[in-house]
Amino acid sequence: MINFILNNKTIKTSEHPGMTLLDFVRYEQRLTGTKIGCREGDCGACTVLVGTLENNSIKYQSITSCISPLGNAHGKHIVTVEGTNLKSKLTVTQEAMKDNYATQCGFCTPGFVVSLTGFALTNTEKNYNNALDAISGNICRCTGYKAIEKAALQVVAKLQGHKTKRSFKWLIDNHFIPDYFATIPERLSNLKSKTVKQHEGKYVSGGTDLYVQQPDQLADGSVHLIAEKDDLKGISIKNNICSIGTNSTVSDLWNHTEINTYFPNLKKHLKLVSSEQIRNMASFGGNLVNASPIGDMTIFFLALNSDIIIIDENGDERTIALKAFYQDYKTFDLNDGELLKAINFKLPSQYSFFNFEKVCKRTHLDIASVNSAIHISVENKHISDAHVSIGGVAAIPKYLHETSGFLSGKPLTAETILKASEILQNEISPISDVRGSSDYKRLLGRQLFFAHFTALFPKQFSLNDFVQHA
């Protein structure tokens, strides 16, 4: 039995846990304000909020319900656009959309309203840029974004106009959310939320890759939901080693204060990874085992020379280097019954630098044509250690063994980088596809490699240092 609260209603259902949350909301509960758009998590028309009880308080995040299994709602508070409504007036968010003429056909509007309501509920700083991040996964095809951006700015102004702490009570009193939200923490704590009975079947965590690839099979077949497995959660730092549980999400990394001190540009890099809704739900483990040659976080962790811990059904563990995990296209070193447990990597030091680059057909919310990352250590103007990865140019997410090996021990000069670029070209084997021709991808591979050095050492290098010789 799956138990959760949907808006102001307690749900107890024996529906298949692999059914999408979107289909349950629309077809079983007739809450049709949540729209069906792409069914791939890209358009945001199906956005809902998920509230999780943590230490007697609720943490809300936005997700795309079209690629989220119903079973993952167990023990949570799910909020659709209907659940944001007040009894006799518009909410602040709804009023802002109306005042700024930010809707035409109205199909995308519920998703924007839910995302901006979620922004009001989160603990993030209430500024304009964060409001735009909150709606980064919502697409409108007819109104034009300026009106929607003005609506977001109006919401921010309302939130910034009061110096008092923005508690549930404050948000209720100021018409951001309905008053039933105040009852949710107690109701969730009283909800009997034993673990959903699991079946033999496909392991599913966030589902963001699998529900794009196999929606019908997962909706009808057996699924083994692992998103709430505590031993796969959490981020810890000990002895300069960061360990990330594979159920952790990009948002968990984004919001981790200490990790952001080691990676000053972390949020800039992670903003290139999908949308806020997907960053809130997609697991690192799922990203790694999807084995996409252009998986952004796979490329990220390869450059950090990460190890992965694998656990089997008996609790036995083994550790391998991530760069040894991938064997061929969609083929990797994982046996039946095994799961990825954690990703471990050494944190940057005062002498090391990290950078991530990505080129795609649009800046945000798109898969890469080519992506690349580097982690390089420099002492006394010499490269003491280097790890370079690249995606979109081979059958697997590519760790550049020869290029990385060549850079180690060399002086940090334009000549070294140009020679390394030649070695890189011999290590990659791109193919022509919808993301670009093989020649274009080779060009991108070269330019992103140069971009690492111009970004990390801007006083020493400019793009002209490389282009005129390349």
Protein backbone atom coordinates (compact mmCIF):
# COMPACT_ATOMS: atom_id res chain seq x y z
CA MET A 1 0.00 0.00 0.00
CA ILE A 2 1.32 3.44 -0.98
CA ASN A 3 0.44 6.17 1.54
CA PHE A 4 0.98 9.88 1.04
CA ILE A 5 -0.79 13.22 1.19
CA LEU A 6 -1.93 14.68 -2.13
CA ASN A 7 -2.64 18.38 -1.63
CA ASN A 8 -5.01 18.27 1.40
CA LYS A 9 -6.10 14.64 0.94
CA THR A 10 -4.60 11.52 2.48
CA ILE A 11 -4.05 8.85 -0.17
CA LYS A 12 -3.87 5.10 0.39
CA THR A 13 -3.58 3.23 -2.86
CA SER A 14 -2.62 -0.22 -4.10
CA GLU A 15 -1.93 1.05 -7.61
CA HIS A 16 1.22 -0.23 -9.28
CA PRO A 17 4.24 1.60 -7.76
CA GLY A 18 5.79 1.85 -11.21
CA MET A 19 2.90 3.93 -12.55
CA THR A 20 4.01 7.51 -13.08
CA LEU A 21 2.91 10.03 -10.50
CA LEU A 22 1.50 12.15 -13.34
CA ASP A 23 -0.85 9.40 -14.51
CA PHE A 24 -2.06 8.75 -10.97
CA VAL A 25 -2.76 12.42 -10.37
CA ARG A 26 -4.60 12.93 -13.66
CA TYR A 27 -6.40 9.64 -14.26
CA GLU A 28 -6.98 8.27 -10.77
CA GLN A 29 -7.54 11.58 -8.95
CA ARG A 30 -8.83 13.66 -11.87
CA LEU A 31 -6.52 16.56 -11.04
CA THR A 32 -6.03 17.66 -14.62
CA GLY A 33 -4.34 20.97 -13.91
CA THR A 34 -1.07 19.03 -14.04
CA LYS A 35 -0.48 18.74 -17.79
CA ILE A 36 0.97 16.07 -20.03
CA GLY A 37 3.63 17.55 -22.28
CA CYS A 38 6.80 15.82 -23.39
CA ARG A 39 6.71 12.86 -20.96
CA GLU A 40 10.50 13.17 -20.79
CA GLY A 41 10.88 15.75 -18.00
CA ASP A 42 11.91 18.52 -20.39
CA CYS A 43 8.94 20.90 -20.58
CA GLY A 44 7.85 21.25 -16.93
CA ALA A 45 4.12 21.16 -17.71
CA CYS A 46 3.75 18.29 -15.22
CA THR A 47 5.67 19.97 -12.36
CA VAL A 48 4.55 19.12 -8.84
CA LEU A 49 6.08 19.75 -5.42
CA VAL A 50 7.32 16.96 -3.18
CA GLY A 51 7.45 17.69 0.55
CA THR A 52 9.67 15.46 2.67
CA LEU A 53 9.52 15.40 6.47
CA GLU A 54 12.97 16.07 7.96
CA ASN A 55 13.39 16.69 11.70
CA ASN A 56 9.76 17.75 12.16
CA SER A 57 9.89 20.24 9.30
CA ILE A 58 9.04 19.91 5.64
CA LYS A 59 11.49 20.37 2.79
CA TYR A 60 9.81 21.03 -0.57
CA GLN A 61 11.32 20.45 -4.00
CA SER A 62 9.89 20.62 -7.50
CA ILE A 63 9.97 17.54 -9.74
CA THR A 64 8.54 16.50 -13.10
CA SER A 65 5.84 13.96 -12.33
CA CYS A 66 5.83 12.43 -15.83
CA ILE A 67 9.04 10.50 -15.10
CA SER A 68 8.63 9.90 -11.37
CA PRO A 69 7.26 6.55 -10.11
CA LEU A 70 4.17 6.70 -7.94
CA GLY A 71 5.94 4.58 -5.31
CA ASN A 72 8.44 7.38 -4.68
CA ALA A 73 5.56 9.52 -3.34
CA HIS A 74 5.19 7.14 -0.38
CA GLY A 75 5.35 9.05 2.92
CA LYS A 76 5.56 12.42 1.17
CA HIS A 77 3.38 15.48 0.57
CA ILE A 78 2.62 15.93 -3.13
CA VAL A 79 1.34 19.35 -4.23
CA THR A 80 -0.28 19.93 -7.63
CA VAL A 81 -1.43 23.28 -8.94
CA GLU A 82 -4.86 22.62 -7.45
CA GLY A 83 -3.18 22.27 -4.06
CA THR A 84 -1.78 25.80 -4.26
CA ASN A 85 -5.22 27.43 -4.55
CA LEU A 86 -6.66 29.71 -1.89
CA LYS A 87 -10.39 29.58 -1.14
CA SER A 88 -11.49 32.98 -2.41
CA LYS A 89 -8.56 34.76 -4.08
CA LEU A 90 -5.46 34.24 -6.16
CA THR A 91 -2.15 33.43 -4.52
CA VAL A 92 0.76 35.86 -4.85
CA THR A 93 2.23 33.71 -7.64
CA GLN A 94 -1.06 33.39 -9.52
CA GLU A 95 -1.66 37.14 -9.17
CA ALA A 96 1.82 37.88 -10.53
CA MET A 97 1.20 35.73 -13.61
CA LYS A 98 -2.11 37.55 -14.20
CA ASP A 99 -0.78 41.06 -13.55
CA ASN A 100 2.05 40.63 -16.04
CA TYR A 101 -0.04 38.96 -18.77
CA ALA A 102 2.27 35.95 -18.46
CA THR A 103 -0.12 33.42 -19.94
CA GLN A 104 -1.84 32.87 -23.27
CA CYS A 105 -2.94 29.31 -24.01
CA GLY A 106 -2.43 28.44 -20.33
CA PHE A 107 -0.98 24.99 -20.95
CA CYS A 108 2.37 25.77 -19.33
CA THR A 109 0.96 28.08 -16.65
CA PRO A 110 0.27 25.47 -13.92
CA GLY A 111 3.90 24.31 -14.06
CA PHE A 112 5.22 27.85 -13.70
CA VAL A 113 2.85 28.53 -10.80
CA VAL A 114 3.93 25.36 -8.99
CA SER A 115 7.64 26.05 -9.57
CA LEU A 116 7.40 29.63 -8.29
CA THR A 117 5.36 28.47 -5.30
CA GLY A 118 8.11 25.95 -4.61
CA PHE A 119 10.65 28.78 -4.79
CA ALA A 120 8.72 30.63 -2.07
CA LEU A 121 8.78 27.48 0.09
CA THR A 122 12.51 26.74 -0.20
CA ASN A 123 15.30 28.05 2.01
CA THR A 124 17.23 29.56 -0.90
CA GLU A 125 17.98 33.27 -0.91
CA LYS A 126 14.97 35.06 -2.33
CA ASN A 127 16.60 36.87 -5.23
CA TYR A 128 15.73 37.16 -8.90
CA ASN A 129 18.41 34.78 -10.18
CA ASN A 130 17.24 32.02 -7.86
CA ALA A 131 13.65 32.59 -8.97
CA LEU A 132 14.73 32.15 -12.58
CA ASP A 133 16.58 28.96 -11.61
CA ALA A 134 13.35 27.67 -10.08
CA ILE A 135 11.53 27.97 -13.43
CA SER A 136 14.51 26.89 -15.55
CA GLY A 137 12.78 23.59 -16.31
CA ASN A 138 9.49 25.16 -17.40
CA ILE A 139 8.97 25.85 -21.08
CA CYS A 140 6.39 28.23 -22.60
CA ARG A 141 5.80 28.07 -26.32
CA CYS A 142 3.54 31.07 -26.89
CA THR A 143 3.75 33.92 -24.37
CA GLY A 144 7.41 34.90 -24.45
CA TYR A 145 9.54 34.75 -21.37
CA LYS A 146 9.77 38.44 -20.51
CA ALA A 147 6.25 38.49 -19.12
CA ILE A 148 6.96 35.37 -17.07
CA GLU A 149 10.25 36.82 -15.86
CA LYS A 150 8.39 39.95 -14.75
CA ALA A 151 5.97 37.74 -12.85
CA ALA A 152 8.92 36.04 -11.14
CA LEU A 153 10.35 39.46 -10.26
CA GLN A 154 7.01 40.45 -8.70
CA VAL A 155 7.05 37.28 -6.56
CA VAL A 156 10.60 38.08 -5.45
CA ALA A 157 9.60 41.64 -4.54
CA LYS A 158 6.78 40.32 -2.34
CA LEU A 159 9.18 37.92 -0.61
CA GLN A 160 11.86 40.55 -0.12
CA GLY A 161 9.43 43.17 1.14
CA HIS A 162 9.26 41.62 4.60
CA LYS A 163 12.20 41.22 6.96
CA THR A 164 10.55 38.64 9.21
CA LYS A 165 11.33 34.95 8.86
CA ARG A 166 9.32 33.42 6.04
CA SER A 167 7.77 30.52 7.95
CA PHE A 168 4.76 28.51 6.82
CA LYS A 169 2.65 30.87 8.90
CA TRP A 170 4.15 33.91 7.17
CA LEU A 171 3.60 32.37 3.73
CA ILE A 172 0.01 31.52 4.65
CA ASP A 173 -0.71 34.97 6.14
CA ASN A 174 0.75 36.63 3.05
CA HIS A 175 -1.22 34.51 0.59
CA PHE A 176 1.57 32.45 -0.95
CA ILE A 177 0.08 29.09 0.11
CA PRO A 178 -3.24 27.86 1.53
CA ASP A 179 -3.63 27.35 5.27
CA TYR A 180 -3.76 23.54 5.17
CA PHE A 181 0.05 23.54 4.67
CA ALA A 182 0.38 24.25 8.41
CA THR A 183 -1.11 20.82 9.19
CA ILE A 184 1.15 18.81 6.91
CA PRO A 185 4.18 18.21 9.22
CA GLU A 186 2.01 16.62 11.92
CA ARG A 187 -0.07 14.69 9.41
CA LEU A 188 3.03 13.27 7.73
CA SER A 189 4.54 12.28 11.08
CA ASN A 190 1.30 10.42 11.90
CA LEU A 191 1.11 8.79 8.48
CA LYS A 192 1.95 5.11 8.59
CA SER A 193 4.66 5.04 5.98
CA LYS A 194 6.26 1.65 6.18
CA THR A 195 8.44 0.80 3.22
CA VAL A 196 6.52 -0.07 0.07
CA LYS A 197 6.64 -3.82 -0.55
CA GLN A 198 9.37 -4.42 -3.07
CA HIS A 199 9.34 -6.91 -5.92
CA GLU A 200 12.05 -8.47 -8.03
CA GLY A 201 12.50 -6.21 -11.02
CA LYS A 202 14.29 -3.25 -12.46
CA TYR A 203 16.09 -1.13 -9.88
CA VAL A 204 14.68 2.42 -10.00
CA SER A 205 15.85 5.43 -7.99
CA GLY A 206 14.85 8.82 -9.40
CA GLY A 207 13.72 7.29 -12.67
CA THR A 208 14.71 10.24 -14.83
CA ASP A 209 16.62 8.14 -17.37
CA LEU A 210 14.63 4.93 -17.16
CA TYR A 211 11.19 6.52 -17.52
CA VAL A 212 12.30 8.24 -20.70
CA GLN A 213 13.63 4.98 -22.14
CA GLN A 214 11.18 2.36 -20.81
CA PRO A 215 7.98 4.06 -19.56
CA ASP A 216 5.53 1.32 -20.50
CA GLN A 217 7.66 -1.53 -19.16
CA LEU A 218 8.11 0.22 -15.81
CA ALA A 219 4.44 1.18 -15.52
CA ASP A 220 3.31 -2.42 -16.08
CA GLY A 221 6.26 -4.56 -14.95
CA SER A 222 7.97 -5.21 -11.64
CA VAL A 223 10.08 -2.41 -10.20
CA HIS A 224 12.36 -2.33 -7.18
CA LEU A 225 12.32 1.22 -5.86
CA ILE A 226 15.53 2.20 -4.08
CA ALA A 227 15.25 6.01 -3.79
CA GLU A 228 14.66 5.79 -0.03
CA LYS A 229 17.48 3.34 0.78
CA ASP A 230 19.31 5.18 3.55
CA ASP A 231 22.61 3.38 2.98
CA LEU A 232 22.77 4.91 -0.51
CA LYS A 233 22.17 8.48 0.69
CA GLY A 234 24.25 11.32 2.02
CA ILE A 235 27.41 13.31 1.35
CA SER A 236 30.31 13.17 3.80
CA ILE A 237 33.86 14.52 3.96
CA LYS A 238 36.59 12.80 5.93
CA ASN A 239 40.38 13.02 5.62
CA ASN A 240 40.01 15.16 2.49
CA ILE A 241 37.94 12.45 0.77
CA CYS A 242 34.40 13.24 -0.33
CA SER A 243 31.99 10.31 -0.34
CA ILE A 244 28.66 10.73 -2.12
CA GLY A 245 25.89 8.17 -1.76
CA THR A 246 24.54 7.17 -5.14
CA ASN A 247 20.98 8.13 -4.19
CA SER A 248 22.18 11.71 -3.74
CA THR A 249 21.15 14.25 -6.36
CA VAL A 250 22.76 17.16 -8.13
CA SER A 251 20.72 19.46 -5.88
CA ASP A 252 22.27 17.79 -2.83
CA LEU A 253 25.69 18.67 -4.23
CA TRP A 254 24.51 22.18 -5.21
CA ASN A 255 23.31 22.90 -1.68
CA HIS A 256 26.30 21.40 0.17
CA THR A 257 28.05 24.42 1.71
CA GLU A 258 31.43 22.81 2.36
CA ILE A 259 31.78 21.28 -1.10
CA ASN A 260 31.07 24.68 -2.62
CA THR A 261 34.14 26.03 -0.82
CA TYR A 262 36.30 23.45 -2.58
CA PHE A 263 34.68 24.11 -5.97
CA PRO A 264 34.08 27.88 -6.23
CA ASN A 265 32.34 27.54 -9.60
CA LEU A 266 30.31 24.47 -8.66
CA LYS A 267 26.87 26.06 -9.09
CA LYS A 268 27.93 27.56 -12.41
CA HIS A 269 28.94 24.09 -13.61
CA LEU A 270 25.89 22.32 -12.21
CA LYS A 271 23.51 24.85 -13.74
CA LEU A 272 24.50 23.33 -17.09
CA VAL A 273 23.11 19.99 -15.88
CA SER A 274 19.41 19.62 -16.79
CA SER A 275 16.81 21.73 -14.93
CA GLU A 276 16.06 22.35 -11.27
CA GLN A 277 13.27 19.76 -11.34
CA ILE A 278 15.56 17.06 -12.72
CA ARG A 279 18.46 18.09 -10.47
CA ASN A 280 16.08 17.55 -7.55
CA MET A 281 15.21 13.96 -8.45
CA ALA A 282 17.87 12.30 -10.61
CA SER A 283 20.34 10.14 -8.67
CA PHE A 284 24.07 10.03 -9.30
CA GLY A 285 23.93 6.24 -9.36
CA GLY A 286 21.35 6.29 -12.11
CA ASN A 287 23.45 8.76 -14.09
CA LEU A 288 26.49 6.50 -13.89
CA VAL A 289 24.74 3.23 -14.78
CA ASN A 290 22.82 4.83 -17.62
CA ALA A 291 26.30 4.87 -19.16
CA SER A 292 25.48 7.64 -21.59
CA PRO A 293 28.61 8.75 -23.48
CA ILE A 294 27.54 12.34 -22.73
CA GLY A 295 26.40 11.96 -19.12
CA ASP A 296 27.33 15.29 -17.54
CA MET A 297 27.96 14.05 -14.00
CA THR A 298 29.83 10.99 -15.26
CA ILE A 299 32.26 13.30 -17.06
CA PHE A 300 32.42 15.42 -13.90
CA PHE A 301 33.35 12.48 -11.65
CA LEU A 302 35.76 10.94 -14.17
CA ALA A 303 37.88 14.11 -14.10
CA LEU A 304 37.99 13.85 -10.30
CA ASN A 305 39.55 10.39 -10.74
CA SER A 306 36.73 8.95 -8.65
CA ASP A 307 36.35 5.47 -7.25
CA ILE A 308 32.98 3.78 -6.95
CA ILE A 309 31.88 1.35 -4.25
CA ILE A 310 29.68 -1.50 -5.45
CA ILE A 311 27.54 -3.55 -3.05
CA ASP A 312 25.84 -6.88 -3.70
CA GLU A 313 22.74 -8.54 -2.25
CA ASN A 314 24.77 -10.03 0.62
CA GLY A 315 26.20 -6.67 1.65
CA ASP A 316 29.66 -7.47 0.28
CA GLU A 317 31.45 -4.50 -1.24
CA ARG A 318 34.10 -3.97 -3.88
CA THR A 319 35.77 -0.77 -5.06
CA ILE A 320 36.88 0.04 -8.59
CA ALA A 321 38.02 3.16 -10.40
CA LEU A 322 35.21 4.85 -12.29
CA LYS A 323 37.48 5.08 -15.34
CA ALA A 324 37.63 1.26 -15.34
CA PHE A 325 33.86 0.82 -14.97
CA TYR A 326 32.88 1.41 -18.60
CA GLN A 327 33.73 -1.34 -21.07
CA ASP A 328 31.80 -0.60 -24.26
CA TYR A 329 28.65 1.21 -25.34
CA LYS A 330 26.12 0.82 -22.48
CA THR A 331 28.30 -1.98 -21.08
CA PHE A 332 29.90 -1.74 -17.65
CA ASP A 333 31.32 -3.74 -14.75
CA LEU A 334 28.18 -4.46 -12.71
CA ASN A 335 26.88 -7.94 -11.97
CA ASP A 336 23.28 -9.04 -11.41
CA GLY A 337 22.09 -8.02 -7.95
CA GLU A 338 24.80 -5.38 -7.52
CA LEU A 339 24.19 -1.68 -6.90
CA LEU A 340 26.44 1.34 -6.90
CA LYS A 341 26.72 2.44 -3.27
CA ALA A 342 28.98 5.49 -3.24
CA ILE A 343 31.31 7.70 -5.27
CA ASN A 344 34.58 8.70 -3.60
CA PHE A 345 37.09 11.29 -4.74
CA LYS A 346 39.91 13.37 -3.33
CA LEU A 347 38.95 17.00 -2.82
CA PRO A 348 40.91 19.75 -4.60
CA SER A 349 43.87 21.25 -2.77
CA GLN A 350 45.27 24.78 -2.85
CA TYR A 351 47.39 23.68 -5.82
CA SER A 352 44.64 22.01 -7.84
CA PHE A 353 41.99 23.37 -10.16
CA PHE A 354 38.76 21.96 -11.58
CA ASN A 355 36.71 23.01 -14.59
CA PHE A 356 33.71 21.69 -16.51
CA GLU A 357 32.66 22.75 -20.00
CA LYS A 358 29.65 21.81 -22.12
CA VAL A 359 28.37 22.66 -25.58
CA CYS A 360 24.81 21.86 -26.63
CA LYS A 361 22.17 23.24 -28.97
CA ARG A 362 20.80 25.48 -26.24
CA THR A 363 22.58 26.73 -23.13
CA HIS A 364 20.41 25.02 -20.52
CA LEU A 365 18.17 21.98 -20.30
CA ASP A 366 19.80 20.08 -23.15
CA ILE A 367 22.04 17.10 -23.60
CA ALA A 368 25.60 17.82 -24.67
CA SER A 369 27.06 17.63 -28.11
CA VAL A 370 30.41 17.45 -26.34
CA ASN A 371 31.25 17.98 -22.67
CA SER A 372 34.55 17.87 -20.85
CA ALA A 373 36.10 18.27 -17.41
CA ILE A 374 39.60 18.62 -16.01
CA HIS A 375 41.20 18.40 -12.58
CA ILE A 376 44.77 19.64 -12.68
CA SER A 377 47.40 20.26 -10.00
CA VAL A 378 50.07 22.90 -10.61
CA GLU A 379 53.16 23.56 -8.48
CA ASN A 380 56.08 25.80 -9.42
CA LYS A 381 54.58 26.35 -12.88
CA HIS A 382 54.62 22.62 -13.56
CA ILE A 383 51.67 20.24 -13.85
CA SER A 384 52.12 17.70 -11.09
CA ASP A 385 48.93 15.75 -11.82
CA ALA A 386 46.15 15.89 -14.41
CA HIS A 387 42.89 14.09 -15.10
CA VAL A 388 40.89 14.94 -18.21
CA SER A 389 37.55 13.49 -19.33
CA ILE A 390 35.36 14.09 -22.35
CA GLY A 391 31.92 13.02 -23.54
CA GLY A 392 30.26 12.73 -26.93
CA VAL A 393 33.38 11.57 -28.76
CA ALA A 394 33.47 7.83 -28.01
CA ALA A 395 31.14 4.92 -27.25
CA ILE A 396 31.67 5.45 -23.52
CA PRO A 397 32.18 8.44 -21.20
CA LYS A 398 35.86 8.88 -21.94
CA TYR A 399 38.69 9.27 -19.46
CA LEU A 400 41.67 10.49 -21.49
CA HIS A 401 44.45 8.25 -20.20
CA GLU A 402 47.15 9.31 -22.67
CA THR A 403 46.35 13.01 -22.56
CA SER A 404 46.25 13.02 -18.76
CA GLY A 405 49.48 11.04 -18.58
CA PHE A 406 51.24 13.38 -21.00
CA LEU A 407 50.28 16.50 -19.04
CA SER A 408 51.57 15.16 -15.73
CA GLY A 409 55.08 16.42 -15.06
CA LYS A 410 55.10 18.94 -17.90
CA PRO A 411 55.55 22.72 -17.63
CA LEU A 412 52.29 24.67 -17.81
CA THR A 413 52.90 26.32 -21.18
CA ALA A 414 51.00 26.83 -24.41
CA GLU A 415 53.36 24.39 -26.10
CA THR A 416 52.46 21.65 -23.60
CA ILE A 417 48.75 22.25 -24.04
CA LEU A 418 48.97 22.27 -27.86
CA LYS A 419 50.85 18.97 -27.83
CA ALA A 420 48.33 17.49 -25.39
CA SER A 421 45.54 18.60 -27.74
CA GLU A 422 47.09 16.54 -30.52
CA ILE A 423 47.19 13.50 -28.24
CA LEU A 424 43.56 14.11 -27.31
CA GLN A 425 42.57 13.95 -30.97
CA ASN A 426 44.20 10.52 -31.27
CA GLU A 427 42.28 9.25 -28.22
CA ILE A 428 38.80 10.16 -29.40
CA SER A 429 36.63 8.61 -32.12
CA PRO A 430 33.46 10.67 -32.58
CA ILE A 431 30.66 9.69 -34.95
CA SER A 432 28.26 11.89 -36.87
CA ASP A 433 24.74 12.02 -35.43
CA VAL A 434 21.95 14.50 -34.63
CA ARG A 435 24.22 16.31 -32.17
CA GLY A 436 26.79 17.14 -34.86
CA SER A 437 29.23 15.73 -37.39
CA SER A 438 32.36 13.89 -36.33
CA ASP A 439 34.51 16.80 -37.56
CA TYR A 440 32.42 19.26 -35.53
CA LYS A 441 32.81 17.15 -32.40
CA ARG A 442 36.57 16.97 -32.91
CA LEU A 443 36.60 20.74 -33.14
CA LEU A 444 34.52 21.03 -29.97
CA GLY A 445 36.82 18.58 -28.17
CA ARG A 446 39.81 20.74 -29.04
CA GLN A 447 38.13 24.02 -28.14
CA LEU A 448 36.77 22.76 -24.81
CA PHE A 449 40.22 21.45 -23.92
CA PHE A 450 41.69 24.90 -24.59
CA ALA A 451 38.79 26.49 -22.70
CA HIS A 452 39.79 24.65 -19.53
CA PHE A 453 43.11 26.46 -19.47
CA THR A 454 41.80 29.89 -20.45
CA ALA A 455 39.15 29.58 -17.73
CA LEU A 456 41.51 28.33 -15.01
CA PHE A 457 44.55 30.47 -15.89
CA PRO A 458 43.14 33.61 -17.56
CA LYS A 459 46.21 35.73 -16.77
CA GLN A 460 48.49 33.22 -18.48
CA PHE A 461 46.46 32.06 -21.48
CA SER A 462 43.97 33.40 -23.98
CA LEU A 463 42.23 31.51 -26.75
CA ASN A 464 44.48 33.23 -29.29
CA ASP A 465 47.49 31.46 -27.76
CA PHE A 466 46.05 28.19 -29.00
CA VAL A 467 43.88 28.94 -32.03
CA GLN A 468 46.66 30.52 -34.10
CA HIS A 469 48.80 27.42 -33.64
CA ALA A 470 46.13 24.70 -33.71
